Each structure stands twice: as C-alpha cells, then as structure tokens.
PDB file of N, CA and C in Angstrom:
ATOM      1  N   MET A   1     -71.534 -31.513   9.636  1.00  0.00           N
ATOM      2  CA  MET A   1     -71.963 -31.372   8.439  1.00  0.00           C
ATOM      3  C   MET A   1     -70.635 -31.236   7.556  1.00  0.00           C
ATOM      4  N   MET A   2     -70.770 -32.023   6.414  1.00  0.00           N
ATOM      5  CA  MET A   2     -69.761 -32.209   5.467  1.00  0.00           C
ATOM      6  C   MET A   2     -69.906 -30.992   4.224  1.00  0.00           C
ATOM      7  N   VAL A   3     -68.581 -30.524   4.012  1.00  0.00           N
ATOM      8  CA  VAL A   3     -68.653 -29.518   2.913  1.00  0.00           C
ATOM      9  C   VAL A   3     -68.033 -30.206   1.734  1.00  0.00           C
ATOM     10  N   LEU A   4     -68.767 -30.192   0.562  1.00  0.00           N
ATOM     11  CA  LEU A   4     -68.510 -31.097  -0.359  1.00  0.00           C
ATOM     12  C   LEU A   4     -67.696 -30.553  -1.599  1.00  0.00           C
ATOM     13  N   LEU A   5     -68.058 -28.907  -1.912  1.00  0.00           N
ATOM     14  CA  LEU A   5     -67.256 -28.178  -3.000  1.00  0.00           C
ATOM     15  C   LEU A   5     -66.999 -26.812  -1.971  1.00  0.00           C
ATOM     16  N   ARG A   6     -65.827 -26.481  -2.288  1.00  0.00           N
ATOM     17  CA  ARG A   6     -65.394 -25.108  -1.603  1.00  0.00           C
ATOM     18  C   ARG A   6     -65.493 -24.202  -2.939  1.00  0.00           C
ATOM     19  N   GLN A   7     -66.062 -22.694  -2.344  1.00  0.00           N
ATOM     20  CA  GLN A   7     -66.032 -21.610  -3.191  1.00  0.00           C
ATOM     21  C   GLN A   7     -64.685 -21.425  -3.802  1.00  0.00           C
ATOM     22  N   PRO A   8     -64.545 -20.911  -5.160  1.00  0.00           N
ATOM     23  CA  PRO A   8     -63.217 -20.166  -5.423  1.00  0.00           C
ATOM     24  C   PRO A   8     -62.827 -18.815  -4.703  1.00  0.00           C
ATOM     25  N   ARG A   9     -61.865 -18.662  -4.285  1.00  0.00           N
ATOM     26  CA  ARG A   9     -61.336 -17.375  -3.547  1.00  0.00           C
ATOM     27  C   ARG A   9     -61.501 -16.089  -4.434  1.00  0.00           C
ATOM     28  N   HIS A  10     -62.403 -15.317  -4.258  1.00  0.00           N
ATOM     29  CA  HIS A  10     -62.782 -14.150  -5.219  1.00  0.00           C
ATOM     30  C   HIS A  10     -61.836 -13.106  -4.801  1.00  0.00           C
ATOM     31  N   GLU A  11     -61.330 -12.724  -3.758  1.00  0.00           N
ATOM     32  CA  GLU A  11     -60.444 -11.583  -3.550  1.00  0.00           C
ATOM     33  C   GLU A  11     -59.276 -11.672  -4.393  1.00  0.00           C
ATOM     34  N   LEU A  12     -58.815 -10.549  -4.832  1.00  0.00           N
ATOM     35  CA  LEU A  12     -57.705 -10.158  -5.396  1.00  0.00           C
ATOM     36  C   LEU A  12     -56.370  -9.539  -4.515  1.00  0.00           C
ATOM     37  N   ASP A  13     -55.476  -9.886  -4.547  1.00  0.00           N
ATOM     38  CA  ASP A  13     -54.406  -9.539  -3.863  1.00  0.00           C
ATOM     39  C   ASP A  13     -53.990  -8.093  -4.664  1.00  0.00           C
ATOM     40  N   PRO A  14     -53.084  -7.539  -4.329  1.00  0.00           N
ATOM     41  CA  PRO A  14     -52.692  -6.076  -4.766  1.00  0.00           C
ATOM     42  C   PRO A  14     -51.877  -6.580  -5.975  1.00  0.00           C
ATOM     43  N   LEU A  15     -50.952  -7.368  -5.925  1.00  0.00           N
ATOM     44  CA  LEU A  15     -50.187  -7.948  -7.163  1.00  0.00           C
ATOM     45  C   LEU A  15     -51.228  -8.206  -8.287  1.00  0.00           C
ATOM     46  N   ASP A  16     -52.297  -8.996  -8.002  1.00  0.00           N
ATOM     47  CA  ASP A  16     -53.153  -9.569  -9.138  1.00  0.00           C
ATOM     48  C   ASP A  16     -53.866  -8.151  -9.813  1.00  0.00           C
ATOM     49  N   LEU A  17     -54.306  -7.456  -8.760  1.00  0.00           N
ATOM     50  CA  LEU A  17     -55.109  -6.185  -9.285  1.00  0.00           C
ATOM     51  C   LEU A  17     -54.123  -5.377 -10.024  1.00  0.00           C
ATOM     52  N   GLU A  18     -52.742  -5.505  -9.931  1.00  0.00           N
ATOM     53  CA  GLU A  18     -51.757  -4.612 -10.593  1.00  0.00           C
ATOM     54  C   GLU A  18     -51.385  -5.171 -12.068  1.00  0.00           C
ATOM     55  N   ILE A  19     -51.535  -6.891 -11.998  1.00  0.00           N
ATOM     56  CA  ILE A  19     -51.258  -7.472 -13.430  1.00  0.00           C
ATOM     57  C   ILE A  19     -52.386  -7.134 -14.154  1.00  0.00           C
ATOM     58  N   LEU A  20     -53.859  -7.483 -13.872  1.00  0.00           N
ATOM     59  CA  LEU A  20     -54.759  -7.046 -14.287  1.00  0.00           C
ATOM     60  C   LEU A  20     -54.912  -5.612 -15.045  1.00  0.00           C
ATOM     61  N   GLU A  21     -54.724  -4.768 -14.316  1.00  0.00           N
ATOM     62  CA  GLU A  21     -54.746  -3.574 -14.505  1.00  0.00           C
ATOM     63  C   GLU A  21     -53.738  -3.161 -15.761  1.00  0.00           C
ATOM     64  N   ARG A  22     -52.576  -3.593 -15.605  1.00  0.00           N
ATOM     65  CA  ARG A  22     -51.567  -3.673 -16.640  1.00  0.00           C
ATOM     66  C   ARG A  22     -51.916  -4.332 -18.316  1.00  0.00           C
ATOM     67  N   ALA A  23     -52.666  -5.508 -17.685  1.00  0.00           N
ATOM     68  CA  ALA A  23     -53.249  -6.140 -18.741  1.00  0.00           C
ATOM     69  C   ALA A  23     -54.605  -5.588 -19.685  1.00  0.00           C
ATOM     70  N   PHE A  24     -55.116  -5.032 -18.692  1.00  0.00           N
ATOM     71  CA  PHE A  24     -56.172  -4.103 -19.320  1.00  0.00           C
ATOM     72  C   PHE A  24     -55.864  -2.794 -20.142  1.00  0.00           C
ATOM     73  N   ASP A  25     -55.008  -2.221 -19.465  1.00  0.00           N
ATOM     74  CA  ASP A  25     -54.411  -0.976 -20.414  1.00  0.00           C
ATOM     75  C   ASP A  25     -53.830  -1.302 -21.847  1.00  0.00           C
ATOM     76  N   ALA A  26     -52.942  -2.450 -21.511  1.00  0.00           N
ATOM     77  CA  ALA A  26     -52.477  -2.749 -22.956  1.00  0.00           C
ATOM     78  C   ALA A  26     -53.321  -3.211 -23.917  1.00  0.00           C
ATOM     79  N   THR A  27     -54.452  -4.194 -23.515  1.00  0.00           N
ATOM     80  CA  THR A  27     -55.686  -4.474 -24.528  1.00  0.00           C
ATOM     81  C   THR A  27     -56.367  -3.218 -24.837  1.00  0.00           C
ATOM     82  N   TRP A  28     -56.678  -2.410 -24.037  1.00  0.00           N
ATOM     83  CA  TRP A  28     -57.496  -1.196 -24.256  1.00  0.00           C
ATOM     84  C   TRP A  28     -56.904  -0.399 -25.394  1.00  0.00           C
ATOM     85  N   ALA A  29     -55.607  -0.241 -25.376  1.00  0.00           N
ATOM     86  CA  ALA A  29     -54.967   0.369 -26.104  1.00  0.00           C
ATOM     87  C   ALA A  29     -54.802  -0.292 -27.415  1.00  0.00           C
ATOM     88  N   ALA A  30     -54.726  -1.587 -27.522  1.00  0.00           N
ATOM     89  CA  ALA A  30     -54.788  -2.352 -28.962  1.00  0.00           C
ATOM     90  C   ALA A  30     -56.086  -2.309 -29.324  1.00  0.00           C
ATOM     91  N   VAL A  31     -56.980  -2.822 -28.495  1.00  0.00           N
ATOM     92  CA  VAL A  31     -58.453  -2.590 -29.428  1.00  0.00           C
ATOM     93  C   VAL A  31     -58.629  -1.199 -29.785  1.00  0.00           C
ATOM     94  N   LYS A  32     -58.247  -0.180 -29.292  1.00  0.00           N
ATOM     95  CA  LYS A  32     -58.800   1.001 -29.753  1.00  0.00           C
ATOM     96  C   LYS A  32     -57.797   1.555 -30.786  1.00  0.00           C
ATOM     97  N   GLY A  33     -56.881   1.142 -31.084  1.00  0.00           N
ATOM     98  CA  GLY A  33     -55.795   1.150 -31.998  1.00  0.00           C
ATOM     99  C   GLY A  33     -56.058   0.451 -33.282  1.00  0.00           C
ATOM    100  N   ASN A  34     -57.021  -0.483 -33.070  1.00  0.00           N
ATOM    101  CA  ASN A  34     -57.400  -1.394 -34.252  1.00  0.00           C
ATOM    102  C   ASN A  34     -58.383  -0.773 -34.886  1.00  0.00           C
ATOM    103  N   ASP A  35     -58.275  -0.890 -36.373  1.00  0.00           N
ATOM    104  CA  ASP A  35     -59.150  -0.426 -37.297  1.00  0.00           C
ATOM    105  C   ASP A  35     -60.473  -1.365 -37.375  1.00  0.00           C
ATOM    106  N   ARG A  36     -60.566  -2.706 -37.019  1.00  0.00           N
ATOM    107  CA  ARG A  36     -61.152  -3.618 -37.423  1.00  0.00           C
ATOM    108  C   ARG A  36     -62.601  -3.545 -36.253  1.00  0.00           C
ATOM    109  N   HIS A  37     -63.687  -3.585 -36.752  1.00  0.00           N
ATOM    110  CA  HIS A  37     -64.938  -3.519 -36.214  1.00  0.00           C
ATOM    111  C   HIS A  37     -65.083  -4.477 -34.741  1.00  0.00           C
ATOM    112  N   VAL A  38     -65.256  -3.765 -33.788  1.00  0.00           N
ATOM    113  CA  VAL A  38     -65.586  -4.620 -32.125  1.00  0.00           C
ATOM    114  C   VAL A  38     -67.345  -4.371 -32.253  1.00  0.00           C
ATOM    115  N   GLU A  39     -67.463  -5.391 -31.626  1.00  0.00           N
ATOM    116  CA  GLU A  39     -68.647  -5.509 -31.583  1.00  0.00           C
ATOM    117  C   GLU A  39     -69.753  -4.710 -30.488  1.00  0.00           C
ATOM    118  N   PHE A  40     -69.220  -3.845 -29.839  1.00  0.00           N
ATOM    119  CA  PHE A  40     -69.593  -2.828 -28.853  1.00  0.00           C
ATOM    120  C   PHE A  40     -69.554  -1.536 -29.455  1.00  0.00           C
ATOM    121  N   GLU A  41     -70.887  -0.941 -29.072  1.00  0.00           N
ATOM    122  CA  GLU A  41     -71.347   0.337 -29.607  1.00  0.00           C
ATOM    123  C   GLU A  41     -70.510   1.530 -28.837  1.00  0.00           C
ATOM    124  N   SER A  42     -70.270   1.252 -27.567  1.00  0.00           N
ATOM    125  CA  SER A  42     -69.574   2.376 -26.904  1.00  0.00           C
ATOM    126  C   SER A  42     -68.501   1.865 -25.760  1.00  0.00           C
ATOM    127  N   ASP A  43     -67.458   2.583 -25.421  1.00  0.00           N
ATOM    128  CA  ASP A  43     -66.593   2.678 -24.509  1.00  0.00           C
ATOM    129  C   ASP A  43     -67.203   2.017 -23.368  1.00  0.00           C
ATOM    130  N   GLU A  44     -68.199   2.312 -22.818  1.00  0.00           N
ATOM    131  CA  GLU A  44     -69.178   1.821 -21.605  1.00  0.00           C
ATOM    132  C   GLU A  44     -69.136   0.421 -21.446  1.00  0.00           C
ATOM    133  N   GLY A  45     -69.567  -0.018 -22.925  1.00  0.00           N
ATOM    134  CA  GLY A  45     -69.966  -1.687 -23.005  1.00  0.00           C
ATOM    135  C   GLY A  45     -68.773  -2.470 -23.041  1.00  0.00           C
ATOM    136  N   LEU A  46     -67.527  -1.830 -23.876  1.00  0.00           N
ATOM    137  CA  LEU A  46     -66.503  -2.559 -23.918  1.00  0.00           C
ATOM    138  C   LEU A  46     -65.659  -2.878 -22.811  1.00  0.00           C
ATOM    139  N   GLU A  47     -65.568  -1.808 -21.902  1.00  0.00           N
ATOM    140  CA  GLU A  47     -64.388  -1.600 -20.611  1.00  0.00           C
ATOM    141  C   GLU A  47     -64.844  -2.819 -19.962  1.00  0.00           C
ATOM    142  N   PRO A  48     -66.227  -3.090 -19.337  1.00  0.00           N
ATOM    143  CA  PRO A  48     -66.475  -4.079 -18.455  1.00  0.00           C
ATOM    144  C   PRO A  48     -66.362  -5.570 -18.938  1.00  0.00           C
ATOM    145  N   SER A  49     -66.535  -5.711 -20.365  1.00  0.00           N
ATOM    146  CA  SER A  49     -66.579  -6.884 -21.237  1.00  0.00           C
ATOM    147  C   SER A  49     -64.700  -7.355 -21.109  1.00  0.00           C
ATOM    148  N   LEU A  50     -63.896  -6.228 -21.251  1.00  0.00           N
ATOM    149  CA  LEU A  50     -62.364  -6.699 -21.531  1.00  0.00           C
ATOM    150  C   LEU A  50     -62.028  -7.121 -20.079  1.00  0.00           C
ATOM    151  N   ARG A  51     -62.726  -6.339 -18.836  1.00  0.00           N
ATOM    152  CA  ARG A  51     -62.105  -6.605 -17.600  1.00  0.00           C
ATOM    153  C   ARG A  51     -62.669  -8.069 -17.216  1.00  0.00           C
ATOM    154  N   ARG A  52     -63.853  -8.588 -17.691  1.00  0.00           N
ATOM    155  CA  ARG A  52     -64.515  -9.605 -17.358  1.00  0.00           C
ATOM    156  C   ARG A  52     -63.545 -10.522 -18.146  1.00  0.00           C
ATOM    157  N   GLU A  53     -63.355 -10.540 -19.474  1.00  0.00           N
ATOM    158  CA  GLU A  53     -62.852 -11.334 -20.072  1.00  0.00           C
ATOM    159  C   GLU A  53     -60.967 -11.870 -19.310  1.00  0.00           C
ATOM    160  N   LEU A  54     -60.532 -10.598 -19.006  1.00  0.00           N
ATOM    161  CA  LEU A  54     -59.211 -10.784 -18.383  1.00  0.00           C
ATOM    162  C   LEU A  54     -59.147 -11.611 -17.357  1.00  0.00           C
ATOM    163  N   ILE A  55     -60.155 -11.118 -16.470  1.00  0.00           N
ATOM    164  CA  ILE A  55     -60.326 -11.865 -14.925  1.00  0.00           C
ATOM    165  C   ILE A  55     -60.658 -13.374 -15.234  1.00  0.00           C
ATOM    166  N   GLU A  56     -61.314 -13.839 -16.006  1.00  0.00           N
ATOM    167  CA  GLU A  56     -61.665 -15.081 -16.368  1.00  0.00           C
ATOM    168  C   GLU A  56     -60.567 -15.879 -16.932  1.00  0.00           C
ATOM    169  N   ILE A  57     -59.634 -15.294 -17.635  1.00  0.00           N
ATOM    170  CA  ILE A  57     -58.639 -16.048 -18.495  1.00  0.00           C
ATOM    171  C   ILE A  57     -57.453 -16.371 -17.502  1.00  0.00           C
ATOM    172  N   ALA A  58     -57.360 -15.433 -16.670  1.00  0.00           N
ATOM    173  CA  ALA A  58     -56.275 -15.100 -15.602  1.00  0.00           C
ATOM    174  C   ALA A  58     -56.626 -16.159 -14.495  1.00  0.00           C
ATOM    175  N   TYR A  59     -57.943 -16.511 -14.201  1.00  0.00           N
ATOM    176  CA  TYR A  59     -58.430 -17.266 -13.094  1.00  0.00           C
ATOM    177  C   TYR A  59     -58.551 -18.837 -13.776  1.00  0.00           C
ATOM    178  N   PHE A  60     -59.424 -18.882 -14.513  1.00  0.00           N
ATOM    179  CA  PHE A  60     -59.219 -20.447 -15.410  1.00  0.00           C
ATOM    180  C   PHE A  60     -58.050 -20.959 -15.810  1.00  0.00           C
ATOM    181  N   ASN A  61     -57.135 -20.085 -16.522  1.00  0.00           N
ATOM    182  CA  ASN A  61     -55.909 -20.575 -17.058  1.00  0.00           C
ATOM    183  C   ASN A  61     -54.564 -20.209 -16.279  1.00  0.00           C
ATOM    184  N   GLU A  62     -54.824 -19.555 -15.069  1.00  0.00           N
ATOM    185  CA  GLU A  62     -53.632 -19.454 -13.913  1.00  0.00           C
ATOM    186  C   GLU A  62     -52.649 -18.624 -14.765  1.00  0.00           C
ATOM    187  N   VAL A  63     -53.092 -17.421 -15.733  1.00  0.00           N
ATOM    188  CA  VAL A  63     -52.177 -16.834 -16.414  1.00  0.00           C
ATOM    189  C   VAL A  63     -52.122 -15.554 -15.607  1.00  0.00           C
ATOM    190  N   SER A  64     -50.639 -15.249 -15.240  1.00  0.00           N
ATOM    191  CA  SER A  64     -50.285 -14.135 -14.598  1.00  0.00           C
ATOM    192  C   SER A  64     -49.367 -13.053 -14.974  1.00  0.00           C
ATOM    193  N   ASP A  65     -49.165 -13.290 -16.378  1.00  0.00           N
ATOM    194  CA  ASP A  65     -48.239 -12.330 -17.197  1.00  0.00           C
ATOM    195  C   ASP A  65     -49.465 -11.218 -17.951  1.00  0.00           C
ATOM    196  N   PRO A  66     -49.390  -9.991 -17.712  1.00  0.00           N
ATOM    197  CA  PRO A  66     -50.051  -9.186 -18.478  1.00  0.00           C
ATOM    198  C   PRO A  66     -50.015  -9.319 -19.986  1.00  0.00           C
ATOM    199  N   GLU A  67     -48.812  -9.480 -20.561  1.00  0.00           N
ATOM    200  CA  GLU A  67     -48.704  -9.356 -21.941  1.00  0.00           C
ATOM    201  C   GLU A  67     -49.336 -10.767 -22.607  1.00  0.00           C
ATOM    202  N   THR A  68     -49.175 -11.759 -21.909  1.00  0.00           N
ATOM    203  CA  THR A  68     -50.129 -13.091 -22.453  1.00  0.00           C
ATOM    204  C   THR A  68     -51.648 -12.699 -21.913  1.00  0.00           C
ATOM    205  N   LEU A  69     -52.016 -12.251 -21.067  1.00  0.00           N
ATOM    206  CA  LEU A  69     -53.499 -11.983 -20.813  1.00  0.00           C
ATOM    207  C   LEU A  69     -54.111 -11.221 -22.178  1.00  0.00           C
ATOM    208  N   ARG A  70     -52.977 -10.140 -22.148  1.00  0.00           N
ATOM    209  CA  ARG A  70     -53.566  -9.184 -23.477  1.00  0.00           C
ATOM    210  C   ARG A  70     -53.668 -10.010 -24.626  1.00  0.00           C
ATOM    211  N   ASP A  71     -52.599 -10.631 -25.274  1.00  0.00           N
ATOM    212  CA  ASP A  71     -52.999 -11.907 -26.136  1.00  0.00           C
ATOM    213  C   ASP A  71     -54.043 -12.760 -26.438  1.00  0.00           C
ATOM    214  N   MET A  72     -54.258 -13.118 -25.194  1.00  0.00           N
ATOM    215  CA  MET A  72     -55.232 -14.273 -24.962  1.00  0.00           C
ATOM    216  C   MET A  72     -56.677 -13.699 -25.292  1.00  0.00           C
ATOM    217  N   VAL A  73     -57.053 -12.301 -24.812  1.00  0.00           N
ATOM    218  CA  VAL A  73     -58.215 -11.461 -24.955  1.00  0.00           C
ATOM    219  C   VAL A  73     -58.132 -11.114 -26.336  1.00  0.00           C
ATOM    220  N   LEU A  74     -57.422 -10.463 -27.042  1.00  0.00           N
ATOM    221  CA  LEU A  74     -57.272  -9.916 -28.409  1.00  0.00           C
ATOM    222  C   LEU A  74     -57.315 -11.101 -29.397  1.00  0.00           C
ATOM    223  N   SER A  75     -56.797 -12.179 -29.159  1.00  0.00           N
ATOM    224  CA  SER A  75     -57.034 -13.240 -30.155  1.00  0.00           C
ATOM    225  C   SER A  75     -58.329 -13.605 -30.201  1.00  0.00           C
ATOM    226  N   LYS A  76     -59.247 -13.543 -28.972  1.00  0.00           N
ATOM    227  CA  LYS A  76     -60.462 -13.972 -28.801  1.00  0.00           C
ATOM    228  C   LYS A  76     -61.531 -12.651 -29.260  1.00  0.00           C
ATOM    229  N   LEU A  77     -61.229 -11.534 -29.328  1.00  0.00           N
ATOM    230  CA  LEU A  77     -61.949 -10.563 -29.556  1.00  0.00           C
ATOM    231  C   LEU A  77     -61.961 -10.158 -31.093  1.00  0.00           C
ATOM    232  N   LEU A  78     -60.311 -10.298 -31.423  1.00  0.00           N
ATOM    233  CA  LEU A  78     -60.169  -9.879 -32.834  1.00  0.00           C
ATOM    234  C   LEU A  78     -59.312 -10.992 -33.466  1.00  0.00           C
ATOM    235  N   PRO A  79     -59.904 -12.114 -33.832  1.00  0.00           N
ATOM    236  CA  PRO A  79     -59.284 -13.097 -34.451  1.00  0.00           C
ATOM    237  C   PRO A  79     -58.601 -12.926 -35.429  1.00  0.00           C
ATOM    238  N   GLY A  80     -57.150 -13.424 -35.926  1.00  0.00           N
ATOM    239  CA  GLY A  80     -56.479 -12.845 -37.021  1.00  0.00           C
ATOM    240  C   GLY A  80     -55.450 -11.763 -36.991  1.00  0.00           C
ATOM    241  N   SER A  81     -56.079 -11.150 -36.095  1.00  0.00           N
ATOM    242  CA  SER A  81     -54.972  -9.814 -35.850  1.00  0.00           C
ATOM    243  C   SER A  81     -53.905 -10.062 -34.713  1.00  0.00           C
ATOM    244  N   LYS A  82     -52.951  -9.283 -35.076  1.00  0.00           N
ATOM    245  CA  LYS A  82     -51.451  -9.540 -34.281  1.00  0.00           C
ATOM    246  C   LYS A  82     -51.517  -8.410 -33.279  1.00  0.00           C
ATOM    247  N   PRO A  83     -51.155  -8.814 -31.856  1.00  0.00           N
ATOM    248  CA  PRO A  83     -51.061  -7.588 -30.775  1.00  0.00           C
ATOM    249  C   PRO A  83     -49.759  -6.722 -31.556  1.00  0.00           C
TER     250      PRO A  83
END
C-alpha cells in the first residue's frame, strides 16, 4: 500500500513550546495594553484564539522568533497598530 500524503508533525518539542509561550505572553500583554476594541468579549475566548493564531503562523510560515510571531499576530488582530 502506497501512502500519498504524510500527516504533518503535530508534536511540539520543548523549544517550540518555549518559543510559543514567550510569543503568547508578549502578544497577550500587547493586546491587553491596547485600547482598541478586540472582537472577543472575554479573556476565555481571546486566549485560545491567540494561541491558535501563533501556532498556525509558526507552522505555516516557519517562524520561530517570538517577537516576529507577536508582530504577525498583532498586525492581523489590530491592523494599523504598532507593537
């Protein structure tokens, strides 16, 4: 049996997790410190969305720098704002 497509790697190593956590902390602080309206009514809705965005950007753009990840998420979430 021939396998035509391989599933992407879903496990994150400790370095990946550390980078994503640092990017999340920086993004969270920037979002919470920004007075512009964010479309989520609660932190419970915002947190998983930010984490999902960070993982997607890191995975699909092969970005591994926390500051770059933060900037990319902020430009998507808060267009026109500076990190």
